Amino acid sequence: MELDNLPGRRPGTRGRIVMLVDNTVNGDSRVQKEARSAAAAGWDVILLGRSPNKHEQRWKLGDAEVVLLPVPTPLGKRRHEYRRAPLRSPLAYPSGRLAAYRRQYMKARRVDLNVRLAQAKLNGSALARVALLPPRVTAKIASKWVAVRWKRTRALEQRRKEMTSPLDRFTTAFWLKTMGDRAWRRLDPGLWDYELAYGKVIDALKPDLVHANDFRMLGVGARATLRARARGGRVKLVWDAHEFLPGIKPWNSHPRWHPAQCAHEREYAKYADAVVTVSETLADMLIEEHGLKQRPSVVLNAPDADLPASPDGEPVPDLRELCGIGPDVPLTVYSGAAAPQRGLDIMIESLPRLEGVHVALVVLRPTTGYVAELLVRAEELGVADRVHALPYVPHYQVVPFLSAADVGVIPIHHWPNHEIALITKFFEYSHARLPFVVSDVKTMGDMVRQTGQGEVFRAEDLDDYVRAVRAVLADRKRYRAAYDAPGLLEQWTWKAQAEILDTVYSGLVPGSAPAARAEKAAGTVGAVA
């Protein structure tokens, strides 16, 4: 962002909030709802996200300003990945494009010599053919040599990714032991790329409060507040912990990634003036993990029931029409992230035993590798015509979009982070009044048993999954009736959660609470009178 082209402050607001997120905002319904509702409550909100390309992007979410910043990632590779390894792999090429260049060059060289030989044969020139013999032999020997070096280079790259050798394990342990929580600087310096993209922009925006979403933005937000306070400012930091970092399945397979993120979070958690999170269970875990002095406020990932499904006049897509099926065809739906630990394969494997049932997978990118694997498996099972991979709709259309299905499925596996929260799709399915089929992860399984809104099956158990789907499809009305319980859906709305978040903001920014502002305005009027 050009620092001389920053959004100006909206007049009459309660203060400026700069929200931070490490994604493109699209697809992150929690962040979108936070920004929109805070702006509607009178805050001047700037939401900074990550651009998917090298260009800055801007748009509005209600009265909130969204700015996506380019994030160059030269620090994404660790320093040792750029070094040669003369002792470890003396034949490997230096890091960079040289290995690929040499391999491709030798292929081109041999093709050229073969063409020249063909020309000599056509011309009937024995002398030319003899003259080509030495360079052809030389090129063949050089190609084999390059192939050996190429193979060693690839092997070295793989070892550096796996980092399972005794030396690699020693160096990782060494940095963690000697640097403690600061070790992320060595283990994953790519975290600095976010700082270098966001930091100056946050400083120039001069926020009253920084709202950092999740663990990577925690450090960016904490450093911004420390710089502001050093200049005499009173900037406050809210950390929005979406998940329990030590318990997640690492997003990145590099063995240094997860310990680096955990160390980074531990270093900066203490600078948060307030913490919000997604469940009471996670609040307890954060207190224990980081020794928090104040209990985190719980802001559930509930849908915004008050937001029109078509604020711009765009009709809600018809889920069944997109699947090419009529109203009487049984349809199960999964909406959310697509990954092996989400357990979507069980939905495909069950179809040969669930005659006539269709599956809709509503995911961010329907063409990703994992989804493609599921579609290939559906082909193998002969059920490809009953599996439909569809893209996300805008967050304000999710509930009416999903309501066309018969069953909402959450088949996630047992991971520590899956046990502790009612996730976004839980509330979306509920407001769509969908009967549930959910795996026996603790928090969601317990809630479904308590409310009677669906069936719980043993995670990764195909037989039990088939049983649960059959039970729900056999008596959909009974499970839907659970939503008629007084107050059940009302407590699961974003309006109630936005009030909790606004209370957190107001408690941190002096004079920003609605009552305080009203008193200040009244005092000003009285003084003028």
Protein backbone atom coordinates (compact mmCIF):
# COMPACT_ATOMS: atom_id res chain seq x y z
CA MET A 1 0.00 0.00 0.00
CA GLU A 2 1.21 3.48 -0.83
CA LEU A 3 1.51 5.14 2.55
CA ASP A 4 0.30 8.45 1.13
CA ASN A 5 -2.89 6.76 -0.10
CA LEU A 6 -4.23 5.47 3.20
CA PRO A 7 -7.96 5.43 4.03
CA GLY A 8 -8.93 8.51 6.00
CA ARG A 9 -10.75 8.22 9.29
CA ARG A 10 -14.51 8.17 9.09
CA PRO A 11 -15.85 11.15 11.03
CA GLY A 12 -17.77 10.58 14.23
CA THR A 13 -16.55 7.02 14.83
CA ARG A 14 -15.74 5.47 18.20
CA GLY A 15 -12.10 4.86 17.28
CA ARG A 16 -10.04 3.15 14.60
CA ILE A 17 -9.64 -0.63 14.59
CA VAL A 18 -7.11 -2.27 12.29
CA MET A 19 -7.95 -5.94 11.85
CA LEU A 20 -5.27 -8.34 10.62
CA VAL A 21 -5.69 -11.67 8.87
CA ASP A 22 -3.19 -13.82 6.96
CA ASN A 23 -5.56 -14.80 4.15
CA THR A 24 -7.49 -13.19 1.30
CA VAL A 25 -10.57 -12.51 3.53
CA ASN A 26 -12.83 -14.25 1.00
CA GLY A 27 -13.88 -17.54 2.56
CA ASP A 28 -13.14 -16.39 6.12
CA SER A 29 -16.67 -15.71 7.35
CA ARG A 30 -15.61 -14.99 10.95
CA VAL A 31 -13.29 -12.18 9.93
CA GLN A 32 -15.82 -10.75 7.49
CA LYS A 33 -18.55 -10.69 10.14
CA GLU A 34 -16.23 -9.11 12.70
CA ALA A 35 -15.26 -6.30 10.34
CA ARG A 36 -18.77 -5.64 9.09
CA SER A 37 -20.43 -5.67 12.52
CA ALA A 38 -17.74 -3.53 14.17
CA ALA A 39 -18.10 -0.91 11.44
CA ALA A 40 -21.89 -1.02 11.82
CA ALA A 41 -21.43 -0.44 15.57
CA GLY A 42 -19.65 2.84 14.88
CA TRP A 43 -15.98 1.84 14.68
CA ASP A 44 -13.68 2.94 11.87
CA VAL A 45 -12.52 -0.47 10.63
CA ILE A 46 -9.65 -1.23 8.26
CA LEU A 47 -9.23 -4.96 7.55
CA LEU A 48 -5.76 -5.86 6.24
CA GLY A 49 -5.45 -9.22 4.48
CA ARG A 50 -3.05 -10.94 2.11
CA SER A 51 -3.35 -10.35 -1.63
CA PRO A 52 -3.33 -13.52 -3.77
CA ASN A 53 -0.97 -11.81 -6.21
CA LYS A 54 1.50 -8.92 -6.43
CA HIS A 55 -1.18 -6.25 -6.55
CA GLU A 56 -3.03 -4.46 -3.77
CA GLN A 57 -6.80 -5.00 -3.73
CA ARG A 58 -9.52 -2.98 -2.03
CA TRP A 59 -13.24 -3.26 -1.44
CA LYS A 60 -15.86 -2.58 1.23
CA LEU A 61 -17.60 -4.87 3.70
CA GLY A 62 -20.49 -2.70 4.75
CA ASP A 63 -18.72 0.36 6.17
CA ALA A 64 -15.47 -1.54 6.77
CA GLU A 65 -12.58 -1.00 4.38
CA VAL A 66 -10.79 -4.15 3.16
CA VAL A 67 -7.23 -3.85 1.87
CA LEU A 68 -5.29 -6.87 0.64
CA LEU A 69 -1.54 -6.35 0.71
CA PRO A 70 1.02 -8.14 -1.48
CA VAL A 71 3.26 -10.32 0.69
CA PRO A 72 6.62 -11.12 -0.97
CA THR A 73 8.08 -14.30 0.54
CA PRO A 74 11.86 -14.30 0.03
CA LEU A 75 12.28 -15.52 3.62
CA GLY A 76 10.02 -18.50 2.98
CA LYS A 77 13.09 -20.64 2.38
CA ARG A 78 15.35 -21.08 5.37
CA ARG A 79 18.96 -19.93 5.14
CA HIS A 80 20.45 -23.42 5.06
CA GLU A 81 18.37 -24.21 1.97
CA TYR A 82 20.41 -21.69 -0.03
CA ARG A 83 23.80 -23.08 1.02
CA ARG A 84 25.87 -25.68 -0.79
CA ALA A 85 26.53 -28.91 1.07
CA PRO A 86 30.11 -29.87 0.17
CA LEU A 87 30.36 -32.41 2.96
CA ARG A 88 26.81 -33.68 3.05
CA SER A 89 26.27 -33.94 -0.71
CA PRO A 90 29.37 -32.81 -2.65
CA LEU A 91 27.87 -33.62 -6.08
CA ALA A 92 24.72 -31.57 -5.60
CA TYR A 93 24.37 -28.31 -7.50
CA PRO A 94 24.12 -25.02 -5.60
CA SER A 95 20.62 -23.93 -4.55
CA GLY A 96 18.68 -22.19 -7.29
CA ARG A 97 17.91 -22.90 -10.91
CA LEU A 98 21.32 -24.15 -12.02
CA ALA A 99 20.43 -27.84 -11.67
CA ALA A 100 17.27 -27.51 -13.78
CA TYR A 101 19.16 -25.36 -16.30
CA ARG A 102 22.01 -27.85 -16.71
CA ARG A 103 19.64 -30.81 -17.05
CA GLN A 104 17.51 -29.07 -19.67
CA TYR A 105 20.57 -27.75 -21.50
CA MET A 106 22.06 -31.24 -21.90
CA LYS A 107 18.75 -32.56 -23.23
CA ALA A 108 18.69 -29.75 -25.79
CA ARG A 109 22.34 -30.36 -26.69
CA ARG A 110 21.73 -34.05 -27.45
CA VAL A 111 18.60 -33.27 -29.47
CA ASP A 112 20.62 -30.79 -31.54
CA LEU A 113 23.37 -33.34 -32.19
CA ASN A 114 20.83 -36.01 -33.20
CA VAL A 115 19.27 -33.61 -35.69
CA ARG A 116 22.70 -32.78 -37.12
CA LEU A 117 23.40 -36.52 -37.46
CA ALA A 118 20.10 -37.00 -39.30
CA GLN A 119 21.03 -34.18 -41.68
CA ALA A 120 24.44 -35.78 -42.34
CA LYS A 121 22.78 -39.12 -43.13
CA LEU A 122 20.34 -37.45 -45.52
CA ASN A 123 23.21 -35.65 -47.25
CA GLY A 124 25.19 -38.86 -47.50
CA SER A 125 28.22 -37.24 -45.86
CA ALA A 126 30.29 -39.88 -44.07
CA LEU A 127 32.84 -37.27 -43.01
CA ALA A 128 30.18 -35.17 -41.26
CA ARG A 129 28.89 -38.25 -39.46
CA VAL A 130 32.40 -39.12 -38.24
CA ALA A 131 32.98 -35.51 -37.19
CA LEU A 132 29.86 -35.68 -35.01
CA LEU A 133 31.06 -38.77 -33.11
CA PRO A 134 33.28 -36.98 -30.54
CA PRO A 135 30.70 -34.33 -29.54
CA ARG A 136 27.98 -37.01 -29.34
CA VAL A 137 30.11 -39.16 -27.02
CA THR A 138 31.05 -36.11 -24.97
CA ALA A 139 27.40 -35.03 -24.72
CA LYS A 140 26.35 -38.51 -23.64
CA ILE A 141 28.99 -38.62 -20.89
CA ALA A 142 28.15 -35.07 -19.79
CA SER A 143 24.42 -35.93 -19.70
CA LYS A 144 25.07 -38.89 -17.41
CA TRP A 145 27.22 -36.68 -15.17
CA VAL A 146 24.53 -34.01 -15.03
CA ALA A 147 21.91 -36.69 -14.30
CA VAL A 148 23.96 -37.91 -11.34
CA ARG A 149 24.32 -34.36 -9.98
CA TRP A 150 20.63 -33.66 -10.63
CA LYS A 151 19.67 -36.76 -8.65
CA ARG A 152 21.93 -35.75 -5.76
CA THR A 153 20.50 -32.24 -5.82
CA ARG A 154 16.92 -33.49 -5.61
CA ALA A 155 17.88 -35.90 -2.82
CA LEU A 156 19.48 -33.04 -0.88
CA GLU A 157 16.39 -30.88 -1.34
CA GLN A 158 14.20 -33.70 -0.05
CA ARG A 159 16.42 -34.26 2.99
CA ARG A 160 16.26 -30.55 3.74
CA LYS A 161 12.48 -30.69 3.62
CA GLU A 162 12.24 -33.77 5.83
CA MET A 163 15.05 -32.74 8.22
CA THR A 164 15.10 -36.16 9.87
CA SER A 165 18.86 -36.70 9.98
CA PRO A 166 20.62 -36.62 13.37
CA LEU A 167 22.30 -33.33 12.40
CA ASP A 168 18.97 -31.73 11.48
CA ARG A 169 17.29 -32.90 14.67
CA PHE A 170 20.25 -31.61 16.68
CA THR A 171 20.19 -28.14 15.11
CA THR A 172 16.42 -27.80 15.62
CA ALA A 173 16.76 -28.81 19.27
CA PHE A 174 19.80 -26.52 19.64
CA TRP A 175 17.92 -23.41 18.52
CA LEU A 176 14.91 -24.21 20.67
CA LYS A 177 17.14 -24.77 23.70
CA THR A 178 19.40 -21.76 23.27
CA MET A 179 16.87 -19.22 21.99
CA GLY A 180 13.69 -20.41 23.68
CA ASP A 181 10.56 -18.82 22.21
CA ARG A 182 12.71 -16.57 20.01
CA ALA A 183 13.82 -19.67 18.09
CA TRP A 184 11.14 -19.15 15.42
CA ARG A 185 13.49 -16.58 13.88
CA ARG A 186 15.79 -19.45 12.94
CA LEU A 187 13.20 -22.18 12.45
CA ASP A 188 10.77 -20.23 10.23
CA PRO A 189 12.08 -16.78 9.25
CA GLY A 190 9.22 -16.61 6.71
CA LEU A 191 7.08 -15.21 9.54
CA TRP A 192 8.99 -11.95 9.02
CA ASP A 193 7.54 -11.66 5.51
CA TYR A 194 4.15 -10.81 7.07
CA GLU A 195 5.74 -8.21 9.31
CA LEU A 196 7.51 -6.54 6.39
CA ALA A 197 4.29 -6.41 4.37
CA TYR A 198 1.92 -5.25 7.13
CA GLY A 199 4.03 -3.42 9.71
CA LYS A 200 4.53 0.02 8.13
CA VAL A 201 0.92 0.09 6.96
CA ILE A 202 -0.39 -0.51 10.48
CA ASP A 203 1.91 2.19 11.84
CA ALA A 204 0.72 4.69 9.24
CA LEU A 205 -2.96 3.93 9.93
CA LYS A 206 -2.49 4.96 13.60
CA PRO A 207 -5.10 2.60 15.09
CA ASP A 208 -6.58 2.87 18.55
CA LEU A 209 -6.87 -0.91 18.63
CA VAL A 210 -5.32 -3.77 16.65
CA HIS A 211 -7.36 -6.97 16.26
CA ALA A 212 -5.00 -9.82 15.29
CA ASN A 213 -6.67 -12.95 13.95
CA ASP A 214 -4.93 -16.23 14.69
CA PHE A 215 -1.32 -17.04 15.45
CA ARG A 216 0.65 -15.57 12.52
CA MET A 217 -0.96 -12.17 12.91
CA LEU A 218 -0.43 -12.15 16.67
CA GLY A 219 3.24 -11.26 16.25
CA VAL A 220 2.50 -8.61 13.61
CA GLY A 221 -0.10 -7.00 15.86
CA ALA A 222 2.04 -7.21 19.01
CA ARG A 223 5.04 -5.57 17.35
CA ALA A 224 2.83 -2.79 15.98
CA THR A 225 1.39 -2.04 19.41
CA LEU A 226 4.87 -2.08 20.99
CA ARG A 227 6.12 0.46 18.43
CA ALA A 228 3.07 2.66 18.97
CA ARG A 229 3.44 2.58 22.75
CA ALA A 230 7.12 3.44 22.45
CA ARG A 231 6.00 6.59 20.60
CA GLY A 232 3.66 7.47 23.46
CA GLY A 233 0.48 5.97 21.98
CA ARG A 234 -2.17 3.99 23.84
CA VAL A 235 -2.84 1.33 21.23
CA LYS A 236 -4.47 -1.87 22.50
CA LEU A 237 -4.13 -5.39 21.12
CA VAL A 238 -6.90 -7.98 20.84
CA TRP A 239 -5.79 -11.49 19.93
CA ASP A 240 -8.48 -13.62 18.30
CA ALA A 241 -7.36 -17.24 18.83
CA HIS A 242 -9.21 -19.37 16.29
CA GLU A 243 -7.70 -22.68 17.36
CA PHE A 244 -5.36 -24.37 19.79
CA LEU A 245 -2.08 -24.17 17.92
CA PRO A 246 -0.20 -26.96 19.76
CA GLY A 247 -3.05 -29.33 18.87
CA ILE A 248 -3.49 -28.66 15.16
CA LYS A 249 -2.43 -30.95 12.35
CA PRO A 250 0.41 -28.83 10.88
CA TRP A 251 -0.54 -27.04 7.68
CA ASN A 252 3.06 -27.31 6.51
CA SER A 253 4.86 -30.64 6.48
CA HIS A 254 8.27 -29.12 7.24
CA PRO A 255 9.25 -30.41 10.70
CA ARG A 256 10.38 -26.96 11.86
CA TRP A 257 7.13 -25.23 10.91
CA HIS A 258 4.97 -26.27 13.85
CA PRO A 259 7.51 -25.69 16.66
CA ALA A 260 8.29 -22.31 15.07
CA GLN A 261 4.63 -21.23 15.07
CA CYS A 262 4.18 -22.38 18.66
CA ALA A 263 7.28 -20.49 19.80
CA HIS A 264 6.13 -17.38 17.93
CA GLU A 265 2.71 -17.55 19.61
CA ARG A 266 4.22 -18.06 23.06
CA GLU A 267 6.53 -15.06 22.63
CA TYR A 268 3.75 -12.62 21.77
CA ALA A 269 0.69 -13.93 23.64
CA LYS A 270 1.67 -11.94 26.72
CA TYR A 271 1.28 -8.64 24.87
CA ALA A 272 -2.45 -9.12 24.17
CA ASP A 273 -4.60 -6.73 26.21
CA ALA A 274 -7.58 -9.01 25.61
CA VAL A 275 -8.06 -12.44 24.08
CA VAL A 276 -11.17 -13.70 22.33
CA THR A 277 -11.68 -17.26 21.15
CA VAL A 278 -14.25 -19.68 19.79
CA SER A 279 -15.22 -21.89 22.75
CA GLU A 280 -15.06 -22.18 26.53
CA THR A 281 -12.90 -25.30 26.21
CA LEU A 282 -10.36 -23.45 24.09
CA ALA A 283 -10.44 -20.55 26.55
CA ASP A 284 -9.41 -22.94 29.33
CA MET A 285 -6.61 -24.38 27.20
CA LEU A 286 -5.25 -20.93 26.31
CA ILE A 287 -5.19 -19.95 29.98
CA GLU A 288 -3.18 -23.05 30.81
CA GLU A 289 -0.86 -22.76 27.78
CA HIS A 290 -0.03 -19.06 28.11
CA GLY A 291 -0.76 -18.28 31.76
CA LEU A 292 -3.33 -15.66 30.80
CA LYS A 293 -4.37 -13.47 33.72
CA GLN A 294 -7.78 -12.69 32.25
CA ARG A 295 -10.18 -15.27 30.87
CA PRO A 296 -10.67 -15.01 27.08
CA SER A 297 -14.08 -13.85 25.90
CA VAL A 298 -15.89 -16.46 23.82
CA VAL A 299 -17.17 -15.27 20.44
CA LEU A 300 -18.83 -18.16 18.66
CA ASN A 301 -18.56 -18.62 14.89
CA ALA A 302 -22.30 -18.11 14.52
CA PRO A 303 -23.94 -16.94 11.27
CA ASP A 304 -25.31 -13.46 10.79
CA ALA A 305 -29.05 -14.14 10.72
CA ASP A 306 -29.87 -10.44 10.30
CA LEU A 307 -27.86 -9.96 7.12
CA PRO A 308 -29.98 -10.18 3.94
CA ALA A 309 -29.15 -13.18 1.78
CA SER A 310 -29.16 -10.92 -1.29
CA PRO A 311 -27.95 -7.46 -0.17
CA ASP A 312 -26.80 -6.68 -3.70
CA GLY A 313 -29.83 -8.20 -5.41
CA GLU A 314 -27.91 -11.33 -6.41
CA PRO A 315 -30.18 -14.38 -5.90
CA VAL A 316 -29.05 -17.25 -3.70
CA PRO A 317 -27.81 -20.14 -5.89
CA ASP A 318 -29.99 -23.25 -5.84
CA LEU A 319 -27.93 -26.10 -4.38
CA ARG A 320 -30.08 -28.81 -5.93
CA GLU A 321 -30.06 -27.14 -9.32
CA LEU A 322 -26.25 -26.97 -9.23
CA CYS A 323 -26.22 -30.70 -8.41
CA GLY A 324 -28.71 -31.39 -11.21
CA ILE A 325 -31.21 -33.15 -8.92
CA GLY A 326 -34.85 -32.69 -7.99
CA PRO A 327 -36.42 -31.92 -4.60
CA ASP A 328 -37.05 -35.55 -3.66
CA VAL A 329 -33.51 -36.85 -4.16
CA PRO A 330 -31.74 -37.41 -0.80
CA LEU A 331 -28.80 -35.01 -0.52
CA THR A 332 -26.04 -34.88 2.08
CA VAL A 333 -23.79 -31.82 2.19
CA TYR A 334 -20.40 -30.89 3.58
CA SER A 335 -19.39 -27.23 3.62
CA GLY A 336 -15.93 -26.08 4.63
CA ALA A 337 -12.23 -26.77 4.24
CA ALA A 338 -11.26 -29.86 2.24
CA ALA A 339 -8.41 -31.88 3.74
CA PRO A 340 -7.80 -35.54 4.67
CA GLN A 341 -8.29 -34.88 8.40
CA ARG A 342 -11.77 -33.54 7.60
CA GLY A 343 -12.80 -37.09 6.75
CA LEU A 344 -14.61 -36.39 3.48
CA ASP A 345 -13.55 -39.73 2.02
CA ILE A 346 -16.12 -41.52 4.18
CA MET A 347 -18.91 -39.66 2.38
CA ILE A 348 -17.68 -41.06 -0.93
CA GLU A 349 -16.99 -44.59 0.34
CA SER A 350 -20.53 -44.82 1.74
CA LEU A 351 -22.36 -44.12 -1.52
CA PRO A 352 -22.41 -47.71 -2.89
CA ARG A 353 -24.32 -48.63 0.28
CA LEU A 354 -26.63 -45.59 0.28
CA GLU A 355 -28.70 -46.11 -2.81
CA GLY A 356 -29.82 -42.92 -4.53
CA VAL A 357 -28.07 -40.58 -2.04
CA HIS A 358 -26.09 -37.67 -3.49
CA VAL A 359 -23.16 -35.81 -1.90
CA ALA A 360 -22.44 -32.09 -2.28
CA LEU A 361 -18.97 -30.89 -1.27
CA VAL A 362 -19.03 -27.11 -0.92
CA VAL A 363 -15.36 -26.13 -0.69
CA LEU A 364 -13.19 -23.08 -1.33
CA ARG A 365 -11.41 -24.58 -4.37
CA PRO A 366 -13.25 -27.56 -5.91
CA THR A 367 -10.29 -28.39 -8.18
CA THR A 368 -7.62 -28.91 -5.51
CA GLY A 369 -5.68 -32.15 -5.29
CA TYR A 370 -7.59 -33.66 -2.37
CA VAL A 371 -11.00 -32.97 -3.92
CA ALA A 372 -9.73 -34.35 -7.24
CA GLU A 373 -8.69 -37.54 -5.42
CA LEU A 374 -12.19 -37.86 -3.98
CA LEU A 375 -13.73 -37.49 -7.43
CA VAL A 376 -11.36 -40.12 -8.85
CA ARG A 377 -12.39 -42.48 -6.04
CA ALA A 378 -16.05 -41.81 -6.85
CA GLU A 379 -15.32 -42.84 -10.45
CA GLU A 380 -13.70 -46.07 -9.23
CA LEU A 381 -16.75 -46.86 -7.11
CA GLY A 382 -19.15 -46.08 -9.95
CA VAL A 383 -20.85 -43.22 -8.09
CA ALA A 384 -19.30 -40.19 -9.81
CA ASP A 385 -22.72 -39.01 -10.98
CA ARG A 386 -23.77 -38.66 -7.34
CA VAL A 387 -20.84 -36.52 -6.16
CA HIS A 388 -20.86 -32.75 -6.75
CA ALA A 389 -17.92 -30.46 -5.90
CA LEU A 390 -19.11 -26.85 -5.67
CA PRO A 391 -17.44 -23.54 -4.76
CA TYR A 392 -18.24 -21.37 -1.76
CA VAL A 393 -21.03 -18.83 -1.90
CA PRO A 394 -20.77 -15.46 -0.05
CA HIS A 395 -20.98 -15.95 3.71
CA TYR A 396 -24.35 -14.21 3.91
CA GLN A 397 -25.82 -16.77 1.48
CA VAL A 398 -24.44 -19.90 3.13
CA VAL A 399 -27.46 -20.67 5.35
CA PRO A 400 -30.20 -20.41 2.69
CA PHE A 401 -27.90 -22.14 0.20
CA LEU A 402 -27.35 -25.16 2.45
CA SER A 403 -30.98 -25.39 3.54
CA ALA A 404 -31.85 -27.22 0.32
CA ALA A 405 -29.97 -30.31 1.53
CA ASP A 406 -31.38 -33.11 3.69
CA VAL A 407 -28.38 -33.79 5.95
CA GLY A 408 -25.40 -31.70 7.06
CA VAL A 409 -22.28 -33.84 7.56
CA ILE A 410 -19.23 -33.12 9.74
CA PRO A 411 -17.04 -36.26 9.48
CA ILE A 412 -13.82 -34.84 10.99
CA HIS A 413 -11.21 -37.08 12.57
CA HIS A 414 -10.00 -37.09 16.15
CA TRP A 415 -7.41 -34.33 16.40
CA PRO A 416 -6.99 -32.28 19.60
CA ASN A 417 -8.13 -29.15 17.82
CA HIS A 418 -11.24 -30.87 16.44
CA GLU A 419 -12.48 -31.81 19.90
CA ILE A 420 -12.79 -28.37 21.44
CA ALA A 421 -15.20 -26.15 19.53
CA LEU A 422 -18.50 -25.78 17.78
CA ILE A 423 -17.09 -24.88 14.39
CA THR A 424 -18.56 -22.45 11.87
CA LYS A 425 -20.37 -25.08 9.81
CA PHE A 426 -22.07 -26.39 12.96
CA PHE A 427 -23.95 -23.11 13.33
CA GLU A 428 -24.51 -22.74 9.59
CA TYR A 429 -26.09 -26.20 9.39
CA SER A 430 -28.17 -25.40 12.46
CA HIS A 431 -29.60 -22.18 11.04
CA ALA A 432 -30.26 -24.04 7.79
CA ARG A 433 -32.25 -26.44 10.03
CA LEU A 434 -30.34 -29.43 8.71
CA PRO A 435 -30.29 -32.72 10.60
CA PHE A 436 -26.69 -33.57 11.52
CA VAL A 437 -24.45 -36.54 10.97
CA VAL A 438 -21.31 -35.73 12.98
CA SER A 439 -18.33 -37.77 14.10
CA ASP A 440 -17.88 -38.36 17.81
CA VAL A 441 -15.49 -35.46 18.42
CA LYS A 442 -16.19 -34.28 21.92
CA THR A 443 -17.79 -30.82 21.83
CA MET A 444 -19.92 -31.21 18.71
CA GLY A 445 -20.82 -34.82 19.43
CA ASP A 446 -21.98 -33.91 22.93
CA MET A 447 -24.05 -30.98 21.65
CA VAL A 448 -25.80 -33.05 18.95
CA ARG A 449 -26.66 -35.73 21.50
CA GLN A 450 -27.94 -33.07 23.90
CA THR A 451 -30.16 -31.24 21.39
CA GLY A 452 -31.28 -34.27 19.36
CA GLN A 453 -30.57 -32.45 16.09
CA GLY A 454 -28.83 -35.42 14.49
CA GLU A 455 -26.85 -38.62 14.83
CA VAL A 456 -23.28 -39.16 16.07
CA PHE A 457 -21.06 -41.83 14.51
CA ARG A 458 -17.63 -43.17 15.39
CA ALA A 459 -15.04 -41.19 13.44
CA GLU A 460 -13.59 -43.08 10.43
CA ASP A 461 -16.05 -45.97 10.96
CA LEU A 462 -17.79 -46.54 7.61
CA ASP A 463 -20.41 -48.93 8.95
CA ASP A 464 -21.42 -46.53 11.72
CA TYR A 465 -21.49 -43.61 9.29
CA VAL A 466 -23.86 -45.49 6.98
CA ARG A 467 -26.07 -46.31 9.98
CA ALA A 468 -26.22 -42.65 11.02
CA VAL A 469 -27.11 -41.38 7.54
CA ARG A 470 -29.83 -43.98 7.13
CA ALA A 471 -31.29 -43.11 10.55
CA VAL A 472 -31.47 -39.40 9.74
CA LEU A 473 -32.90 -39.86 6.24
CA ALA A 474 -35.56 -42.19 7.65
CA ASP A 475 -36.94 -39.51 10.01
CA ARG A 476 -35.79 -36.05 8.93
CA LYS A 477 -38.77 -34.28 10.50
CA ARG A 478 -37.92 -35.55 13.98
CA TYR A 479 -34.38 -34.22 13.82
CA ARG A 480 -35.46 -30.88 12.32
CA ALA A 481 -37.95 -30.48 15.16
CA ALA A 482 -35.02 -30.00 17.56
CA TYR A 483 -34.61 -26.49 16.15
CA ASP A 484 -38.05 -25.51 17.47
CA ALA A 485 -36.67 -25.53 21.03
CA PRO A 486 -37.13 -21.99 22.45
CA GLY A 487 -33.99 -19.88 22.28
CA LEU A 488 -31.78 -22.55 20.70
CA LEU A 489 -31.06 -20.77 17.42
CA GLU A 490 -31.32 -17.27 18.94
CA GLN A 491 -28.24 -17.89 21.09
CA TRP A 492 -26.36 -19.07 18.01
CA THR A 493 -26.52 -15.80 16.06
CA TRP A 494 -23.77 -13.37 15.17
CA LYS A 495 -25.76 -10.47 16.66
CA ALA A 496 -25.24 -11.92 20.14
CA GLN A 497 -21.55 -12.58 19.44
CA ALA A 498 -20.98 -9.10 17.99
CA GLU A 499 -22.23 -7.60 21.24
CA ILE A 500 -19.63 -9.60 23.17
CA LEU A 501 -16.87 -8.43 20.83
CA ASP A 502 -18.03 -4.83 21.04
CA THR A 503 -17.90 -5.02 24.83
CA VAL A 504 -14.27 -6.17 24.58
CA TYR A 505 -13.40 -3.24 22.28
CA SER A 506 -15.21 -0.69 24.46
CA GLY A 507 -13.42 -1.90 27.57
CA LEU A 508 -10.03 -1.26 25.96
CA VAL A 509 -10.54 2.09 24.22
CA PRO A 510 -11.37 4.88 26.70
CA GLY A 511 -14.49 6.87 25.89
CA SER A 512 -15.58 4.52 23.12
CA ALA A 513 -18.51 2.83 24.89
CA PRO A 514 -21.89 4.05 23.61
CA ALA A 515 -22.89 5.31 27.08
CA ALA A 516 -19.63 7.20 27.53
CA ARG A 517 -19.97 8.80 24.12
CA ALA A 518 -23.55 9.84 24.88
CA GLU A 519 -22.45 11.43 28.16
CA LYS A 520 -19.59 13.24 26.43
CA ALA A 521 -21.93 14.56 23.75
CA ALA A 522 -24.42 15.72 26.38
CA GLY A 523 -21.68 17.46 28.33
CA THR A 524 -20.51 19.25 25.20
CA VAL A 525 -24.03 20.43 24.43
CA GLY A 526 -24.47 21.64 28.01
CA ALA A 527 -21.19 23.58 27.88
CA VAL A 528 -22.21 25.27 24.66
CA ALA A 529 -25.61 26.13 26.08
